[in-house]
């Protein structure tokens, strides 16, 4: 079992003792049973409540069910599953058996699933009944796939997860994995193109808990946590599985998509103390007429990741609920947050300071360290970096440079050690010879009372010079017009340097996003290029 070398969590960074023979699932489950939490509620989903004893048995049954089908250590299974108790049961069960689960998002196209089934060479698929139609083509086209296991009442011609687990034994010894063995994969969210299979090892998950969840988030055994970010997302996996299990907390799972109504229902009924969201969702929650009163919730801390949190959203959330949002940045490649604001030290508009245990550097266009206040590419060194991208040597070599991992994000750092997001490296605009961050312009637009969401890209003007163009989603009840577009241009001019204002404002009903809430600006650029031809 992994443990701190010192009981003092204030040691910076905490030093982890992870034995060579180590199984991540066995550690996360058994530490709770050893601590006497067997009767404590581990998970609450839409169908019921499950103690840590229940979870332990479900994990063992899932492990035995998979091995009973002939699956062996290091073989892969694909998990395309909604957030219910079956998700952690199968994910941890596979890991305990030495099988490698590949978690994929639940909002993909049939073509995406076909690609991932083929790319991962998964031997089994565990899929929610509701998602099965979207995987039908991939199932037929995947030569390595031997078993399709359906979670739900109507598995059709496929295997039933419930039936397999009912027949399986409730005890199981962990597979003899090592701390450096592949443990699970997460496919990158595809905000900049085709997703990549990101391979994480057994020692990484618990280190995210000890480096971030304990000392920064301050998660405790008595906490009830709710993550709107789903389990398939690296952010959600830590939020709703690794962190609460590492510290013995209780987790609320929600199968449906996060909307203001569905989120408010969980916040008011289950009374979570920790809520994890993304900037887009926080904006939608604040704009909803159903926003609960401060007295209707029991939040003590909130977090945001996925994209940088605009300062105005953070300030308005705190004004309403009296609770800080700890904005941070993590990545699929680093598994969870490595740069974050701290409770009581939040500076909205920044992403905070490095999480102890991680080193940060900013690199300028010439490959040299960026100066204070100068924009540079963010690179990270830390113990939770992925081993590689599966079957993609070129991308692996470009991203993982020795101990350093390239994030693809642009940042500046101030004299107090706070880092401020400047945008994705491939999203940066050069206007009048000066770099402009799309995020900075978007954040200014979001301070306007009529704007719900905004995305900014570069578009050539009549002289082929690149200028900012804004795509804006207006708030409910606001009628888009040329007059409003002009008002938004002036609004940005009043807040930023004049050359940064959007030369064009186009109103749209929605913005293209990944399932994790990241704006896909490359899709807007593609649409603009097609429109210009």
Protein backbone atom coordinates (compact mmCIF):
# COMPACT_ATOMS: atom_id res chain seq x y z
CA UNK A 1 0.00 0.00 0.00
CA UNK A 2 1.29 3.46 -0.88
CA UNK A 3 1.84 5.82 2.01
CA UNK A 4 3.52 9.08 2.93
CA UNK A 5 7.02 8.70 4.31
CA UNK A 6 5.99 11.20 6.95
CA UNK A 7 2.62 11.61 8.65
CA UNK A 8 3.10 15.36 8.29
CA UNK A 9 1.29 16.44 5.11
CA UNK A 10 2.76 19.92 5.44
CA UNK A 11 6.10 18.63 4.17
CA UNK A 12 6.56 20.16 0.73
CA UNK A 13 6.51 18.18 -1.40
CA UNK A 14 5.14 15.13 0.42
CA UNK A 15 7.34 12.10 -0.19
CA UNK A 16 5.51 8.99 -1.29
CA UNK A 17 6.67 5.49 -0.50
CA UNK A 18 5.25 3.29 -3.23
CA UNK A 19 6.51 -0.30 -3.15
CA UNK A 20 7.73 -1.94 -6.32
CA UNK A 21 4.93 -4.52 -6.09
CA UNK A 22 1.86 -2.31 -6.12
CA UNK A 23 -1.70 -2.48 -7.41
CA UNK A 24 -3.56 0.85 -7.49
CA UNK A 25 -7.06 -0.61 -7.14
CA UNK A 26 -6.11 -2.84 -4.23
CA UNK A 27 -4.59 0.17 -2.44
CA UNK A 28 -7.60 2.47 -2.95
CA UNK A 29 -10.10 -0.14 -1.72
CA UNK A 30 -8.16 -1.82 1.07
CA UNK A 31 -7.02 1.40 2.75
CA UNK A 32 -10.67 2.16 3.53
CA UNK A 33 -11.42 -1.31 4.88
CA UNK A 34 -8.27 -1.22 7.00
CA UNK A 35 -9.36 2.17 8.38
CA UNK A 36 -12.69 0.73 9.50
CA UNK A 37 -14.80 2.47 6.85
CA UNK A 38 -16.48 -0.68 5.55
CA UNK A 39 -19.97 0.49 6.61
CA UNK A 40 -19.44 4.08 5.45
CA UNK A 41 -21.17 5.21 2.25
CA UNK A 42 -18.64 5.30 -0.58
CA UNK A 43 -20.92 6.10 -3.52
CA UNK A 44 -24.40 7.48 -4.13
CA UNK A 45 -25.71 7.15 -7.67
CA UNK A 46 -29.14 7.58 -9.24
CA UNK A 47 -30.17 4.08 -8.16
CA UNK A 48 -28.88 3.76 -4.61
CA UNK A 49 -26.18 3.98 -1.95
CA UNK A 50 -23.14 1.72 -1.62
CA UNK A 51 -20.81 1.27 1.33
CA UNK A 52 -17.07 0.68 1.06
CA UNK A 53 -17.81 -2.99 1.84
CA UNK A 54 -20.27 -3.07 -1.07
CA UNK A 55 -17.73 -1.41 -3.34
CA UNK A 56 -14.98 -3.86 -2.35
CA UNK A 57 -17.20 -6.81 -3.20
CA UNK A 58 -18.29 -5.26 -6.48
CA UNK A 59 -14.67 -4.61 -7.47
CA UNK A 60 -13.76 -8.22 -6.70
CA UNK A 61 -16.75 -9.56 -8.62
CA UNK A 62 -15.88 -7.40 -11.63
CA UNK A 63 -12.26 -8.61 -11.53
CA UNK A 64 -13.37 -12.24 -11.37
CA UNK A 65 -15.97 -11.75 -14.10
CA UNK A 66 -13.35 -10.35 -16.47
CA UNK A 67 -10.76 -13.01 -15.79
CA UNK A 68 -13.51 -15.61 -16.04
CA UNK A 69 -13.95 -14.57 -19.68
CA UNK A 70 -10.31 -15.38 -20.30
CA UNK A 71 -8.97 -11.83 -20.14
CA UNK A 72 -5.36 -11.70 -18.99
CA UNK A 73 -2.93 -9.22 -17.46
CA UNK A 74 -1.99 -6.30 -19.73
CA UNK A 75 -4.88 -6.91 -22.11
CA UNK A 76 -7.20 -3.95 -22.54
CA UNK A 77 -10.91 -3.37 -22.08
CA UNK A 78 -12.76 -0.27 -23.30
CA UNK A 79 -15.18 1.37 -20.86
CA UNK A 80 -17.89 3.54 -22.48
CA UNK A 81 -20.14 4.01 -19.50
CA UNK A 82 -22.31 6.59 -17.78
CA UNK A 83 -21.45 7.63 -14.22
CA UNK A 84 -23.07 4.93 -12.08
CA UNK A 85 -21.68 2.51 -9.48
CA UNK A 86 -20.79 0.11 -12.30
CA UNK A 87 -18.13 2.55 -13.58
CA UNK A 88 -15.78 2.45 -10.54
CA UNK A 89 -16.62 -1.23 -10.01
CA UNK A 90 -15.44 -2.26 -13.49
CA UNK A 91 -12.58 0.24 -13.70
CA UNK A 92 -11.09 -0.82 -10.36
CA UNK A 93 -11.96 -4.47 -10.94
CA UNK A 94 -9.99 -4.51 -14.17
CA UNK A 95 -7.00 -2.83 -12.52
CA UNK A 96 -7.08 -5.26 -9.61
CA UNK A 97 -6.93 -8.12 -12.11
CA UNK A 98 -4.01 -6.52 -13.94
CA UNK A 99 -6.22 -5.79 -16.95
CA UNK A 100 -5.88 -2.27 -18.40
CA UNK A 101 -9.14 -0.27 -18.60
CA UNK A 102 -9.41 2.35 -21.33
CA UNK A 103 -11.92 4.98 -20.26
CA UNK A 104 -13.57 6.92 -23.10
CA UNK A 105 -16.05 9.75 -23.10
CA UNK A 106 -19.73 9.09 -23.54
CA UNK A 107 -20.54 11.81 -26.09
CA UNK A 108 -18.52 10.64 -29.06
CA UNK A 109 -19.55 9.70 -32.58
CA UNK A 110 -19.65 6.13 -33.91
CA UNK A 111 -16.50 6.90 -35.90
CA UNK A 112 -14.67 7.99 -32.74
CA UNK A 113 -15.58 4.78 -30.94
CA UNK A 114 -14.56 2.67 -33.91
CA UNK A 115 -11.18 4.42 -33.96
CA UNK A 116 -10.63 3.86 -30.23
CA UNK A 117 -11.67 0.21 -30.29
CA UNK A 118 -9.25 -0.46 -33.14
CA UNK A 119 -6.47 1.75 -31.81
CA UNK A 120 -6.54 0.24 -28.31
CA UNK A 121 -7.03 -3.33 -29.58
CA UNK A 122 -9.44 -3.81 -26.70
CA UNK A 123 -10.40 -7.43 -26.08
CA UNK A 124 -13.62 -6.50 -24.28
CA UNK A 125 -16.04 -3.59 -24.24
CA UNK A 126 -18.07 -2.61 -21.18
CA UNK A 127 -20.83 -0.27 -22.29
CA UNK A 128 -23.94 1.34 -20.87
CA UNK A 129 -27.10 0.10 -22.55
CA UNK A 130 -27.97 3.65 -23.66
CA UNK A 131 -24.65 4.03 -25.51
CA UNK A 132 -24.67 0.68 -27.29
CA UNK A 133 -26.14 1.97 -30.60
CA UNK A 134 -23.23 4.39 -31.04
CA UNK A 135 -20.74 1.54 -30.71
CA UNK A 136 -22.49 -0.94 -33.00
CA UNK A 137 -20.36 -0.12 -36.04
CA UNK A 138 -17.15 -0.20 -34.02
CA UNK A 139 -18.05 -3.58 -32.54
CA UNK A 140 -18.45 -5.07 -36.02
CA UNK A 141 -15.26 -3.48 -37.34
CA UNK A 142 -12.90 -4.36 -34.44
CA UNK A 143 -10.98 -7.60 -35.10
CA UNK A 144 -9.50 -7.83 -31.59
CA UNK A 145 -12.80 -7.42 -29.71
CA UNK A 146 -13.97 -10.73 -28.21
CA UNK A 147 -16.59 -9.73 -25.63
CA UNK A 148 -19.27 -7.04 -25.41
CA UNK A 149 -20.58 -6.58 -21.87
CA UNK A 150 -23.65 -4.40 -21.41
CA UNK A 151 -24.57 -2.56 -18.23
CA UNK A 152 -28.36 -2.30 -18.18
CA UNK A 153 -31.55 -4.32 -18.26
CA UNK A 154 -31.52 -5.13 -21.98
CA UNK A 155 -28.15 -6.48 -23.14
CA UNK A 156 -29.70 -8.00 -26.24
CA UNK A 157 -27.41 -10.62 -27.75
CA UNK A 158 -24.47 -9.44 -25.67
CA UNK A 159 -23.27 -10.39 -22.20
CA UNK A 160 -24.96 -8.85 -19.16
CA UNK A 161 -22.62 -7.15 -16.70
CA UNK A 162 -25.05 -7.73 -13.83
CA UNK A 163 -25.34 -11.45 -14.61
CA UNK A 164 -21.57 -11.87 -14.89
CA UNK A 165 -20.97 -10.10 -11.59
CA UNK A 166 -23.74 -12.00 -9.80
CA UNK A 167 -22.09 -15.29 -10.73
CA UNK A 168 -18.55 -14.16 -9.84
CA UNK A 169 -16.91 -14.66 -6.45
CA UNK A 170 -16.77 -11.69 -4.08
CA UNK A 171 -13.16 -12.28 -3.03
CA UNK A 172 -10.11 -11.75 -5.20
CA UNK A 173 -6.37 -11.44 -4.76
CA UNK A 174 -4.74 -8.54 -6.60
CA UNK A 175 -2.69 -9.29 -9.70
CA UNK A 176 1.09 -9.06 -9.16
CA UNK A 177 1.45 -5.68 -10.87
CA UNK A 178 4.27 -3.23 -10.25
CA UNK A 179 4.17 0.50 -9.64
CA UNK A 180 5.49 1.12 -13.18
CA UNK A 181 3.09 -1.20 -15.01
CA UNK A 182 0.47 0.34 -17.32
CA UNK A 183 -2.61 0.81 -15.16
CA UNK A 184 -5.20 2.58 -17.33
CA UNK A 185 -5.54 4.70 -20.42
CA UNK A 186 -7.39 7.95 -20.98
CA UNK A 187 -7.92 9.26 -24.49
CA UNK A 188 -7.10 12.93 -24.88
CA UNK A 189 -10.19 15.06 -25.38
CA UNK A 190 -9.40 15.94 -28.97
CA UNK A 191 -9.63 19.74 -28.62
CA UNK A 192 -6.93 20.03 -31.28
CA UNK A 193 -7.54 16.97 -33.46
CA UNK A 194 -7.56 13.17 -33.19
CA UNK A 195 -7.54 11.79 -29.64
CA UNK A 196 -4.44 10.02 -28.35
CA UNK A 197 -4.35 7.02 -26.01
CA UNK A 198 -2.53 8.32 -22.93
CA UNK A 199 -0.98 5.53 -20.84
CA UNK A 200 -0.75 5.97 -17.05
CA UNK A 201 1.03 3.68 -14.60
CA UNK A 202 -0.13 2.24 -11.27
CA UNK A 203 1.76 4.72 -9.07
CA UNK A 204 0.29 7.88 -10.59
CA UNK A 205 -3.29 8.05 -9.30
CA UNK A 206 -2.47 7.95 -5.58
CA UNK A 207 0.20 10.60 -6.07
CA UNK A 208 -2.34 13.05 -7.46
CA UNK A 209 -4.32 12.53 -4.25
CA UNK A 210 -1.35 13.04 -1.95
CA UNK A 211 0.11 16.00 -3.84
CA UNK A 212 -3.07 17.93 -4.68
CA UNK A 213 -6.23 16.57 -3.04
CA UNK A 214 -4.84 16.46 0.49
CA UNK A 215 -2.68 19.57 0.85
CA UNK A 216 -4.35 21.89 -1.72
CA UNK A 217 -8.01 20.85 -1.93
CA UNK A 218 -8.08 19.78 1.72
CA UNK A 219 -10.40 16.82 1.16
CA UNK A 220 -11.43 15.02 4.37
CA UNK A 221 -13.13 11.77 5.33
CA UNK A 222 -16.33 13.58 6.27
CA UNK A 223 -16.65 15.31 2.88
CA UNK A 224 -19.37 14.54 0.35
CA UNK A 225 -18.07 15.31 -3.13
CA UNK A 226 -19.86 15.87 -6.44
CA UNK A 227 -18.10 16.24 -9.76
CA UNK A 228 -20.01 17.54 -12.76
CA UNK A 229 -16.93 16.53 -14.75
CA UNK A 230 -17.42 12.88 -15.64
CA UNK A 231 -15.27 9.92 -14.59
CA UNK A 232 -13.89 9.35 -18.09
CA UNK A 233 -12.20 12.79 -17.93
CA UNK A 234 -8.83 12.87 -16.10
CA UNK A 235 -10.17 15.72 -13.95
CA UNK A 236 -13.34 13.80 -13.09
CA UNK A 237 -11.47 10.55 -12.42
CA UNK A 238 -9.47 12.22 -9.66
CA UNK A 239 -12.45 14.18 -8.36
CA UNK A 240 -14.91 11.30 -8.10
CA UNK A 241 -12.72 8.23 -7.64
CA UNK A 242 -9.08 8.67 -6.65
CA UNK A 243 -9.50 11.58 -4.22
CA UNK A 244 -12.54 10.44 -2.23
CA UNK A 245 -11.29 6.86 -2.04
CA UNK A 246 -7.81 7.97 -0.98
CA UNK A 247 -9.31 9.85 1.98
CA UNK A 248 -12.48 7.87 2.69
CA UNK A 249 -15.00 10.48 1.54
CA UNK A 250 -18.43 9.93 -0.05
CA UNK A 251 -19.04 10.55 -3.76
CA UNK A 252 -22.24 11.51 -5.57
CA UNK A 253 -22.44 10.21 -9.15
CA UNK A 254 -24.79 11.53 -11.84
CA UNK A 255 -25.46 9.62 -15.06
CA UNK A 256 -27.13 12.46 -16.97
CA UNK A 257 -25.34 15.39 -18.58
CA UNK A 258 -24.63 18.34 -16.29
CA UNK A 259 -27.19 21.08 -16.78
CA UNK A 260 -28.12 23.78 -14.29
CA UNK A 261 -31.20 21.83 -13.21
CA UNK A 262 -29.41 18.48 -12.83
CA UNK A 263 -26.50 20.04 -10.93
CA UNK A 264 -28.73 22.10 -8.63
CA UNK A 265 -30.74 18.95 -7.83
CA UNK A 266 -27.59 17.20 -6.52
CA UNK A 267 -26.28 20.28 -4.72
CA UNK A 268 -29.52 20.76 -2.80
CA UNK A 269 -30.57 17.13 -2.24
CA UNK A 270 -27.25 15.45 -1.41
CA UNK A 271 -25.60 18.51 0.15
CA UNK A 272 -22.04 17.97 -1.14
CA UNK A 273 -19.29 19.94 0.57
CA UNK A 274 -16.95 19.85 -2.44
CA UNK A 275 -18.11 20.61 -5.98
CA UNK A 276 -15.96 20.24 -9.07
CA UNK A 277 -16.97 22.06 -12.27
CA UNK A 278 -15.65 23.65 -15.44
CA UNK A 279 -15.85 27.33 -16.45
CA UNK A 280 -18.60 26.84 -19.02
CA UNK A 281 -20.80 25.14 -16.44
CA UNK A 282 -20.15 27.77 -13.76
CA UNK A 283 -21.25 30.45 -16.25
CA UNK A 284 -24.43 28.51 -17.06
CA UNK A 285 -25.21 27.94 -13.37
CA UNK A 286 -24.85 31.63 -12.55
CA UNK A 287 -27.07 32.58 -15.50
CA UNK A 288 -29.84 30.18 -14.50
CA UNK A 289 -33.01 31.60 -12.90
CA UNK A 290 -33.07 28.45 -10.72
CA UNK A 291 -29.77 29.34 -9.00
CA UNK A 292 -30.12 28.19 -5.36
CA UNK A 293 -29.68 30.54 -2.45
CA UNK A 294 -26.55 30.34 -0.33
CA UNK A 295 -28.53 28.73 2.51
CA UNK A 296 -29.73 25.91 0.23
CA UNK A 297 -26.26 24.39 -0.24
CA UNK A 298 -23.46 23.22 2.08
CA UNK A 299 -20.43 23.90 -0.13
CA UNK A 300 -17.13 24.66 1.55
CA UNK A 301 -14.87 24.57 -1.52
CA UNK A 302 -15.24 24.38 -5.32
CA UNK A 303 -12.73 23.75 -8.06
CA UNK A 304 -12.50 24.54 -11.75
CA UNK A 305 -10.32 23.09 -14.50
CA UNK A 306 -10.54 22.14 -18.16
CA UNK A 307 -10.08 25.75 -19.26
CA UNK A 308 -9.03 28.87 -17.43
CA UNK A 309 -11.75 30.39 -15.25
CA UNK A 310 -12.63 33.98 -16.21
CA UNK A 311 -12.20 36.26 -13.19
CA UNK A 312 -15.73 37.65 -13.42
CA UNK A 313 -17.29 34.18 -13.11
CA UNK A 314 -15.20 33.34 -10.05
CA UNK A 315 -16.00 36.61 -8.33
CA UNK A 316 -19.74 36.34 -8.97
CA UNK A 317 -19.80 32.73 -7.68
CA UNK A 318 -18.04 33.73 -4.47
CA UNK A 319 -20.32 36.74 -4.00
CA UNK A 320 -23.38 34.53 -4.31
CA UNK A 321 -22.34 31.40 -2.38
CA UNK A 322 -19.55 32.74 -0.16
CA UNK A 323 -17.29 29.94 -1.43
CA UNK A 324 -14.07 30.20 -3.40
CA UNK A 325 -13.46 28.42 -6.67
CA UNK A 326 -9.93 27.03 -6.76
CA UNK A 327 -9.07 27.43 -10.42
CA UNK A 328 -6.31 25.10 -11.55
CA UNK A 329 -4.87 23.43 -14.60
CA UNK A 330 -4.23 19.77 -15.18
CA UNK A 331 -4.10 17.64 -18.29
CA UNK A 332 -4.74 14.14 -19.53
CA UNK A 333 -0.96 13.78 -19.80
CA UNK A 334 -0.29 14.84 -16.16
CA UNK A 335 -3.46 13.11 -14.87
CA UNK A 336 -4.65 15.92 -12.62
CA UNK A 337 -3.98 19.45 -11.40
CA UNK A 338 -0.37 20.63 -11.14
CA UNK A 339 -0.94 24.40 -10.92
CA UNK A 340 -3.65 25.78 -8.65
CA UNK A 341 -5.03 28.54 -6.50
CA UNK A 342 -5.13 27.82 -2.75
CA UNK A 343 -7.93 28.35 -0.23
CA UNK A 344 -7.68 31.84 1.21
CA UNK A 345 -5.11 32.86 -1.42
CA UNK A 346 -7.28 32.88 -4.53
CA UNK A 347 -6.48 35.46 -7.19
CA UNK A 348 -9.23 35.26 -9.77
CA UNK A 349 -7.88 35.65 -13.28
CA UNK A 350 -4.84 33.52 -12.43
CA UNK A 351 -4.30 29.77 -12.25
CA UNK A 352 -2.42 30.10 -8.97
CA UNK A 353 0.94 28.58 -8.09
CA UNK A 354 2.64 25.21 -8.72
CA UNK A 355 1.36 22.29 -6.68
CA UNK A 356 4.19 21.02 -4.44
CA UNK A 357 5.81 18.05 -6.12
CA UNK A 358 5.59 19.61 -9.59
CA UNK A 359 8.12 21.89 -11.28
CA UNK A 360 6.97 24.50 -13.80
CA UNK A 361 8.91 26.35 -16.47
CA UNK A 362 7.91 28.79 -19.23
CA UNK A 363 9.80 28.60 -22.52
CA UNK A 364 9.86 31.42 -25.06
CA UNK A 365 9.79 31.13 -28.86
CA UNK A 366 13.57 30.67 -28.99
CA UNK A 367 13.62 27.79 -26.49
CA UNK A 368 14.98 29.96 -23.67
CA UNK A 369 13.34 30.57 -20.26
CA UNK A 370 10.71 33.29 -20.56
CA UNK A 371 11.29 36.44 -18.52
CA UNK A 372 8.96 37.52 -15.73
CA UNK A 373 5.72 38.76 -17.28
CA UNK A 374 6.68 37.38 -20.69
CA UNK A 375 4.46 34.83 -22.45
CA UNK A 376 5.94 31.35 -22.65
CA UNK A 377 4.95 27.75 -23.24
CA UNK A 378 4.09 25.96 -20.01
CA UNK A 379 6.08 22.80 -19.34
CA UNK A 380 5.71 20.54 -16.30
CA UNK A 381 7.85 17.98 -14.50
CA UNK A 382 6.24 15.72 -11.94
CA UNK A 383 5.70 12.11 -10.87
CA UNK A 384 2.28 11.65 -12.53
CA UNK A 385 3.28 12.22 -16.13
CA UNK A 386 1.98 9.64 -18.59
CA UNK A 387 4.37 6.99 -19.86
CA UNK A 388 3.55 7.70 -23.52
CA UNK A 389 0.89 8.03 -26.14
CA UNK A 390 -0.06 4.58 -27.35
CA UNK A 391 1.09 3.74 -30.86
CA UNK A 392 2.12 7.34 -31.56
CA UNK A 393 5.88 7.71 -31.25
CA UNK A 394 6.12 11.09 -32.97
CA UNK A 395 3.58 12.74 -30.66
CA UNK A 396 5.15 11.06 -27.63
CA UNK A 397 8.59 12.42 -28.48
CA UNK A 398 7.18 15.88 -29.11
CA UNK A 399 5.24 16.02 -25.82
CA UNK A 400 7.35 14.05 -23.31
CA UNK A 401 10.85 15.56 -23.25
CA UNK A 402 12.81 13.71 -20.58
CA UNK A 403 11.25 14.63 -17.25
CA UNK A 404 9.36 17.56 -18.81
CA UNK A 405 5.91 17.44 -20.40
CA UNK A 406 4.82 20.10 -22.89
CA UNK A 407 1.33 21.37 -22.12
CA UNK A 408 0.64 23.31 -25.31
CA UNK A 409 -0.55 26.23 -23.14
CA UNK A 410 0.85 29.75 -23.02
CA UNK A 411 1.31 31.41 -19.62
CA UNK A 412 2.92 34.35 -17.89
CA UNK A 413 4.23 34.42 -14.31
CA UNK A 414 4.30 37.44 -12.00
CA UNK A 415 6.66 38.39 -9.19
CA UNK A 416 4.47 36.68 -6.58
CA UNK A 417 4.66 33.34 -8.34
CA UNK A 418 1.11 33.39 -9.73
CA UNK A 419 0.62 32.06 -13.26
CA UNK A 420 -1.87 33.58 -15.72
CA UNK A 421 -3.26 31.73 -18.72
CA UNK A 422 -2.56 33.21 -22.14
CA UNK A 423 -4.21 30.63 -24.40
CA UNK A 424 -3.34 27.48 -26.29
CA UNK A 425 -0.11 27.73 -28.27
CA UNK A 426 -1.98 26.96 -31.50
CA UNK A 427 -4.75 29.47 -30.69
CA UNK A 428 -2.53 32.55 -30.20
CA UNK A 429 -3.10 35.50 -32.52
CA UNK A 430 -0.50 37.97 -33.74
CA UNK A 431 -2.24 41.31 -34.24
CA UNK A 432 -0.24 44.35 -35.34
CA UNK A 433 2.90 42.29 -34.66
CA UNK A 434 1.91 41.66 -31.03
CA UNK A 435 0.61 38.40 -29.55
CA UNK A 436 -3.01 38.50 -28.44
CA UNK A 437 -4.52 35.84 -26.21
CA UNK A 438 -8.00 34.75 -27.34
CA UNK A 439 -8.81 33.96 -23.71
CA UNK A 440 -8.11 37.56 -22.67
CA UNK A 441 -10.58 38.89 -25.23
CA UNK A 442 -13.13 36.22 -24.32
CA UNK A 443 -12.82 37.07 -20.63
CA UNK A 444 -13.50 40.75 -21.41
CA UNK A 445 -16.57 39.84 -23.45
CA UNK A 446 -17.89 37.68 -20.60
CA UNK A 447 -18.03 40.71 -18.31
CA UNK A 448 -20.84 42.12 -20.48
CA UNK A 449 -24.26 41.50 -18.98
CA UNK A 450 -25.71 40.08 -22.23
CA UNK A 451 -22.97 37.49 -22.94
CA UNK A 452 -23.18 33.87 -21.82
CA UNK A 453 -20.23 32.42 -23.75
CA UNK A 454 -17.62 33.66 -26.20
CA UNK A 455 -14.85 32.26 -28.36
CA UNK A 456 -12.27 34.27 -30.31
CA UNK A 457 -10.21 33.22 -33.33
CA UNK A 458 -7.99 35.02 -35.84
CA UNK A 459 -9.46 35.94 -39.23
CA UNK A 460 -7.71 37.75 -42.11
CA UNK A 461 -9.13 41.17 -43.00
CA UNK A 462 -9.37 42.64 -46.50
CA UNK A 463 -5.60 43.24 -46.45
CA UNK A 464 -4.90 39.63 -45.32
CA UNK A 465 -3.88 40.81 -41.85
CA UNK A 466 -5.00 38.70 -38.91
CA UNK A 467 -7.56 40.32 -36.61
CA UNK A 468 -9.73 38.90 -33.78
CA UNK A 469 -13.24 37.65 -34.53
CA UNK A 470 -15.65 36.81 -31.69
CA UNK A 471 -18.33 34.12 -31.73
CA UNK A 472 -20.84 34.99 -29.00
CA UNK A 473 -23.67 33.09 -27.33
CA UNK A 474 -26.10 35.62 -25.90
CA UNK A 475 -27.90 35.05 -22.62
CA UNK A 476 -31.45 33.77 -22.67
CA UNK A 477 -33.89 36.53 -23.58
CA UNK A 478 -31.25 38.71 -25.26
CA UNK A 479 -31.85 39.36 -28.96
CA UNK A 480 -28.65 39.47 -31.04
CA UNK A 481 -28.30 42.56 -33.23
CA UNK A 482 -25.75 44.67 -35.03
CA UNK A 483 -26.16 47.26 -32.27
CA UNK A 484 -25.28 44.68 -29.62
CA UNK A 485 -22.27 43.60 -31.67
CA UNK A 486 -21.02 47.19 -31.77
CA UNK A 487 -21.62 47.53 -28.04
CA UNK A 488 -19.53 44.41 -27.38
CA UNK A 489 -16.67 45.77 -29.51
CA UNK A 490 -16.69 48.99 -27.47
CA UNK A 491 -16.97 46.99 -24.26
CA UNK A 492 -13.70 45.22 -25.07
CA UNK A 493 -12.03 48.47 -26.18
CA UNK A 494 -12.86 49.99 -22.81
CA UNK A 495 -11.11 47.15 -20.98
CA UNK A 496 -8.17 46.08 -23.15
CA UNK A 497 -5.61 47.66 -25.44
CA UNK A 498 -7.46 48.93 -28.53
CA UNK A 499 -5.79 46.55 -31.00
CA UNK A 500 -7.25 43.55 -29.11
CA UNK A 501 -10.93 44.28 -29.72
CA UNK A 502 -12.84 41.89 -32.05
CA UNK A 503 -13.28 43.39 -35.51
CA UNK A 504 -16.25 41.10 -36.14
CA UNK A 505 -18.88 39.72 -33.74
CA UNK A 506 -20.97 36.76 -34.88
CA UNK A 507 -23.82 35.52 -32.70
CA UNK A 508 -24.25 31.74 -32.55
CA UNK A 509 -26.65 29.45 -30.64
CA UNK A 510 -23.79 27.40 -29.18
CA UNK A 511 -20.02 26.91 -29.34
CA UNK A 512 -18.31 23.67 -30.38
CA UNK A 513 -16.84 21.98 -27.32
CA UNK A 514 -15.31 18.71 -26.26
CA UNK A 515 -17.29 16.57 -23.82
CA UNK A 516 -15.13 18.05 -21.07
CA UNK A 517 -16.19 21.62 -21.84
CA UNK A 518 -13.16 22.86 -23.75
CA UNK A 519 -13.96 25.20 -26.63
CA UNK A 520 -12.82 23.72 -29.94
CA UNK A 521 -11.55 26.85 -31.64
CA UNK A 522 -10.04 24.78 -34.44
CA UNK A 523 -13.59 23.91 -35.53
CA UNK A 524 -14.48 27.60 -35.65
CA UNK A 525 -11.36 28.25 -37.72
CA UNK A 526 -12.32 25.43 -40.10
CA UNK A 527 -15.83 26.82 -40.50
CA UNK A 528 -14.45 30.29 -41.17
CA UNK A 529 -12.01 28.95 -43.77
CA UNK A 530 -14.79 27.10 -45.58
CA UNK A 531 -17.01 30.20 -45.49
CA UNK A 532 -14.21 32.28 -47.03
CA UNK A 533 -13.74 30.00 -50.02
